[in-house]
Amino acid sequence: MNLDIEHAHARALKQRLEPLETLFLGFVDNPDADADDKEVSAEMLLWVRESRYTLDGLLQTKSGNDVNSEDPMVASMYAIGEQIDETVAKLREIGVLPSVQTQHL
């Protein structure tokens, strides 16, 4: 697969991480949050920042080259994407994020 495509995917994932970082930082900095919520939010904030660092590493690789889908950086990127999906779904489930409204045709 072409690394240019993977770079585009990594940039999109970084954009999806930005609001999560803001959300978890808000929980960590909230003086009214209980200790357990702050701890979980701090762990998630660390995960967001580590994920962003991993994606930055992929983005620093030379564009235009082909890369194997088994490459650890590419595999990590896809794992980050899955984790973002799971995190957003869980936040919707517990009411932190609004649920997605589906339209019926």
Protein backbone atom coordinates (compact mmCIF):
# COMPACT_ATOMS: atom_id res chain seq x y z
CA MET A 1 0.00 0.00 0.00
CA ASN A 2 1.13 3.53 -0.67
CA LEU A 3 2.40 5.52 2.28
CA ASP A 4 0.69 8.69 1.00
CA ILE A 5 -2.67 7.03 1.67
CA GLU A 6 -1.53 6.01 5.15
CA HIS A 7 -0.37 9.57 5.82
CA ALA A 8 -3.84 10.86 4.95
CA HIS A 9 -5.39 8.31 7.29
CA ALA A 10 -2.97 9.27 10.09
CA ARG A 11 -3.81 12.96 9.69
CA ALA A 12 -7.53 12.16 9.87
CA LEU A 13 -7.00 10.13 13.06
CA LYS A 14 -5.03 12.98 14.61
CA GLN A 15 -8.00 15.28 13.92
CA ARG A 16 -10.30 12.78 15.64
CA LEU A 17 -7.99 12.73 18.69
CA GLU A 18 -8.10 16.52 19.20
CA PRO A 19 -11.61 16.74 20.71
CA LEU A 20 -10.94 13.67 22.86
CA GLU A 21 -7.83 15.32 24.27
CA THR A 22 -9.82 18.46 25.08
CA LEU A 23 -12.57 16.40 26.70
CA PHE A 24 -10.26 14.35 28.92
CA LEU A 25 -8.17 17.38 29.83
CA GLY A 26 -11.38 19.09 30.93
CA PHE A 27 -12.22 16.16 33.21
CA VAL A 28 -8.71 16.09 34.68
CA ASP A 29 -8.80 19.85 35.38
CA ASN A 30 -12.36 19.83 36.77
CA PRO A 31 -12.17 20.53 40.51
CA ASP A 32 -15.64 19.03 40.98
CA ALA A 33 -14.78 15.65 39.40
CA ASP A 34 -14.31 12.74 41.75
CA ALA A 35 -10.92 11.04 42.07
CA ASP A 36 -11.90 7.96 40.06
CA ASP A 37 -13.14 10.05 37.11
CA LYS A 38 -9.97 12.12 37.20
CA GLU A 39 -7.80 8.99 37.25
CA VAL A 40 -9.60 7.39 34.31
CA SER A 41 -9.52 10.68 32.41
CA ALA A 42 -5.80 11.06 33.08
CA GLU A 43 -5.19 7.55 31.73
CA MET A 44 -7.24 8.30 28.63
CA LEU A 45 -5.45 11.63 28.17
CA LEU A 46 -2.14 9.79 28.28
CA TRP A 47 -3.42 7.31 25.68
CA VAL A 48 -4.53 10.18 23.41
CA ARG A 49 -1.13 11.85 23.65
CA GLU A 50 0.76 8.59 23.07
CA SER A 51 -1.46 7.88 20.06
CA ARG A 52 -0.77 11.31 18.64
CA TYR A 53 2.97 10.72 19.12
CA THR A 54 2.72 7.38 17.28
CA LEU A 55 0.83 9.01 14.41
CA ASP A 56 3.43 11.79 14.25
CA GLY A 57 6.09 9.10 13.87
CA LEU A 58 4.25 7.60 10.92
CA LEU A 59 3.82 11.03 9.35
CA GLN A 60 7.59 11.61 9.54
CA THR A 61 8.33 8.61 7.33
CA LYS A 62 9.12 9.40 3.73
CA SER A 63 6.08 9.91 1.50
CA GLY A 64 5.71 8.12 -1.79
CA ASN A 65 7.11 4.80 -0.61
CA ASP A 66 5.17 1.59 -0.45
CA VAL A 67 4.67 0.07 2.96
CA ASN A 68 3.60 -3.37 4.04
CA SER A 69 0.33 -3.55 5.99
CA GLU A 70 2.25 -5.62 8.55
CA ASP A 71 4.54 -2.65 9.29
CA PRO A 72 4.32 -1.95 13.05
CA MET A 73 3.60 1.76 12.52
CA VAL A 74 0.75 1.02 10.13
CA ALA A 75 -0.63 -1.69 12.41
CA SER A 76 -0.48 0.76 15.34
CA MET A 77 -2.34 3.36 13.31
CA TYR A 78 -5.20 0.97 12.59
CA ALA A 79 -5.30 -0.07 16.26
CA ILE A 80 -5.53 3.62 17.23
CA GLY A 81 -8.44 4.06 14.83
CA GLU A 82 -10.27 1.11 16.39
CA GLN A 83 -9.60 2.44 19.90
CA ILE A 84 -10.95 5.87 18.93
CA ASP A 85 -14.14 4.21 17.65
CA GLU A 86 -14.50 2.19 20.86
CA THR A 87 -13.82 5.21 23.08
CA VAL A 88 -16.34 7.39 21.26
CA ALA A 89 -18.94 4.59 21.41
CA LYS A 90 -18.37 4.17 25.16
CA LEU A 91 -18.60 7.94 25.76
CA ARG A 92 -21.90 7.96 23.86
CA GLU A 93 -23.13 4.94 25.83
CA ILE A 94 -22.50 6.65 29.19
CA GLY A 95 -23.96 9.96 28.00
CA VAL A 96 -20.78 12.03 27.85
CA LEU A 97 -21.20 12.48 24.09
CA PRO A 98 -24.54 12.78 22.33
CA SER A 99 -25.80 9.71 20.54
CA VAL A 100 -25.79 9.67 16.78
CA GLN A 101 -29.21 10.14 15.30
CA THR A 102 -29.90 7.93 12.32
CA GLN A 103 -32.23 9.01 9.58
CA HIS A 104 -34.77 6.59 8.25
CA LEU A 105 -35.61 6.87 4.58
